[in-house]
Each structure stands twice: as structure tokens, then as C-alpha cells.
Amino acid sequence: MYNFEAMKNVGREFWQRGGATTDWFRWTWPCAVLTADAGTIQLLCAGSNLEFPRSRMTRLSRHVGIFSRGLRIQHTDSNSPEFVVFWSPNYRRLADGLRHLGYEVD
């Protein structure tokens, strides 16, 4: 299991703890962490690490669930699950943080 508190020191400019859903698995809060810098968004889930370079992302958009809001990451990486959503406890903070790094979030 990852030491999520240590994520504050990994050199990423933004991070947020939440949950995640992919084609492969579902992780509830607090078992996922999204980290980002100007070139990469990384999703760390217990036992899994998905990394999306900016050049492979085609769209970042709001995804609405029954009780929560998340960030859908659409990409062209055939080695990663096609469906990827990071469930955020504070979507506005997440979207603003990514926009500050230069990402376009629908």
C-alpha cells in the first residue's frame, strides 16, 4: 500500500486524495491519489500506478456519479484501461489545480 502522505513530497505540483474507477477496478476514498505536474497526470491506487503524459491525453472532463463528481481521463495509451475516472472530494479544487498547470478541463 502506498504512503499517501508522502505524496506531498514527490515533486508533483498538485495532488489530491480520492477514489477511482477504471475498466479493471474500483477504489473508494481514500485509496487513490491523483498527482500532476505540467507534463503528466498520475493516478496511484493501492497496487496500481497509471501515468498519463500530456501528449497521450485527449480530454479531461467532469464525470457525474450518483453521489460524487469526478475527472474522466480520456487517453490514447493502449496499455492503460480505456475508462478512467478519479473521484474527487472537491472537484472545483481539482479542476482549478489542473487548469493552473495548463490543462484544459471541460
Protein backbone atom coordinates (compact mmCIF):
# COMPACT_ATOMS: atom_id res chain seq x y z
CA MET A 1 0.00 0.00 0.00
CA TYR A 2 1.23 3.49 -0.84
CA ASN A 3 2.15 6.04 1.81
CA PHE A 4 -0.24 8.71 0.56
CA GLU A 5 1.02 11.36 2.98
CA ALA A 6 4.41 11.06 1.33
CA MET A 7 2.81 12.19 -1.94
CA LYS A 8 3.25 15.77 -0.76
CA ASN A 9 6.97 15.35 -1.37
CA VAL A 10 7.15 13.59 -4.74
CA GLY A 11 7.93 16.72 -6.75
CA ARG A 12 4.46 17.00 -8.24
CA GLU A 13 2.87 20.43 -8.30
CA PHE A 14 -0.65 19.20 -7.43
CA TRP A 15 -2.11 16.21 -5.63
CA GLN A 16 -5.46 15.16 -4.25
CA ARG A 17 -6.72 12.06 -2.47
CA GLY A 18 -9.96 10.45 -3.63
CA GLY A 19 -11.34 7.34 -5.24
CA ALA A 20 -11.03 5.88 -8.74
CA THR A 21 -12.86 3.69 -11.22
CA THR A 22 -11.33 2.03 -14.26
CA ASP A 23 -12.28 -0.79 -16.60
CA TRP A 24 -10.30 -3.05 -14.28
CA PHE A 25 -11.01 -1.95 -10.67
CA ARG A 26 -12.81 0.41 -8.31
CA TRP A 27 -11.15 2.09 -5.34
CA THR A 28 -13.10 4.08 -2.77
CA TRP A 29 -11.83 7.12 -0.90
CA PRO A 30 -9.08 7.34 0.37
CA CYS A 31 -7.43 4.60 -1.71
CA ALA A 32 -6.48 6.69 -4.74
CA VAL A 33 -4.28 9.75 -5.23
CA LEU A 34 -4.08 11.90 -8.33
CA THR A 35 -0.81 13.79 -8.77
CA ALA A 36 0.04 16.19 -11.58
CA ASP A 37 2.71 18.44 -12.97
CA ALA A 38 2.76 20.35 -16.24
CA GLY A 39 3.62 17.24 -18.26
CA THR A 40 1.94 14.26 -16.58
CA ILE A 41 -1.10 13.21 -14.59
CA GLN A 42 -0.54 10.14 -12.46
CA LEU A 43 -3.19 8.07 -10.69
CA LEU A 44 -1.91 5.99 -7.78
CA CYS A 45 -4.26 3.36 -6.44
CA ALA A 46 -3.45 0.62 -3.97
CA GLY A 47 -1.28 -1.68 -6.05
CA SER A 48 -1.68 0.20 -9.32
CA ASN A 49 0.06 3.16 -10.94
CA LEU A 50 -1.39 4.77 -14.06
CA GLU A 51 0.63 7.53 -15.71
CA PHE A 52 -0.74 9.75 -18.47
CA PRO A 53 1.69 12.04 -20.28
CA ARG A 54 0.02 15.19 -21.57
CA SER A 55 0.76 14.08 -25.15
CA ARG A 56 -1.42 10.98 -24.69
CA MET A 57 -4.43 12.67 -23.09
CA THR A 58 -7.25 13.56 -25.46
CA ARG A 59 -9.76 15.01 -22.98
CA LEU A 60 -10.19 15.79 -19.30
CA SER A 61 -13.84 16.22 -18.35
CA ARG A 62 -16.25 16.24 -15.44
CA HIS A 63 -17.91 12.88 -14.83
CA VAL A 64 -21.00 12.77 -12.62
CA GLY A 65 -21.85 9.76 -10.47
CA ILE A 66 -24.82 9.20 -8.18
CA PHE A 67 -23.21 10.84 -5.14
CA SER A 68 -19.98 12.34 -6.43
CA ARG A 69 -18.17 14.21 -9.14
CA GLY A 70 -15.04 13.00 -10.84
CA LEU A 71 -12.48 13.69 -13.52
CA ARG A 72 -12.68 11.45 -16.59
CA ILE A 73 -9.27 10.99 -18.21
CA GLN A 74 -9.53 10.06 -21.88
CA HIS A 75 -6.28 8.98 -23.48
CA THR A 76 -4.59 7.06 -26.28
CA ASP A 77 -2.47 4.69 -24.16
CA SER A 78 -3.38 1.13 -25.17
CA ASN A 79 -1.63 -0.26 -22.07
CA SER A 80 -3.99 1.57 -19.69
CA PRO A 81 -7.67 0.94 -19.07
CA GLU A 82 -9.92 2.79 -21.53
CA PHE A 83 -12.30 4.09 -18.84
CA VAL A 84 -10.56 6.07 -16.07
CA VAL A 85 -12.29 8.34 -13.54
CA PHE A 86 -10.76 9.94 -10.46
CA TRP A 87 -13.50 10.66 -7.88
CA SER A 88 -12.74 13.92 -6.12
CA PRO A 89 -13.96 15.14 -2.73
CA ASN A 90 -13.52 18.71 -4.07
CA TYR A 91 -13.95 18.80 -7.84
CA ARG A 92 -13.58 22.56 -8.10
CA ARG A 93 -10.17 22.42 -6.38
CA LEU A 94 -9.14 19.55 -8.67
CA ALA A 95 -10.19 21.30 -11.88
CA ASP A 96 -8.65 24.62 -10.79
CA GLY A 97 -5.39 22.91 -9.83
CA LEU A 98 -5.12 21.21 -13.20
CA ARG A 99 -6.02 24.39 -15.08
CA HIS A 100 -3.29 26.20 -13.16
CA LEU A 101 -0.85 23.64 -14.63
CA GLY A 102 -2.11 24.39 -18.13
CA TYR A 103 -4.56 21.52 -18.61
CA GLU A 104 -7.89 22.14 -20.32
CA VAL A 105 -10.68 20.66 -18.20
CA ASP A 106 -14.19 20.58 -19.72
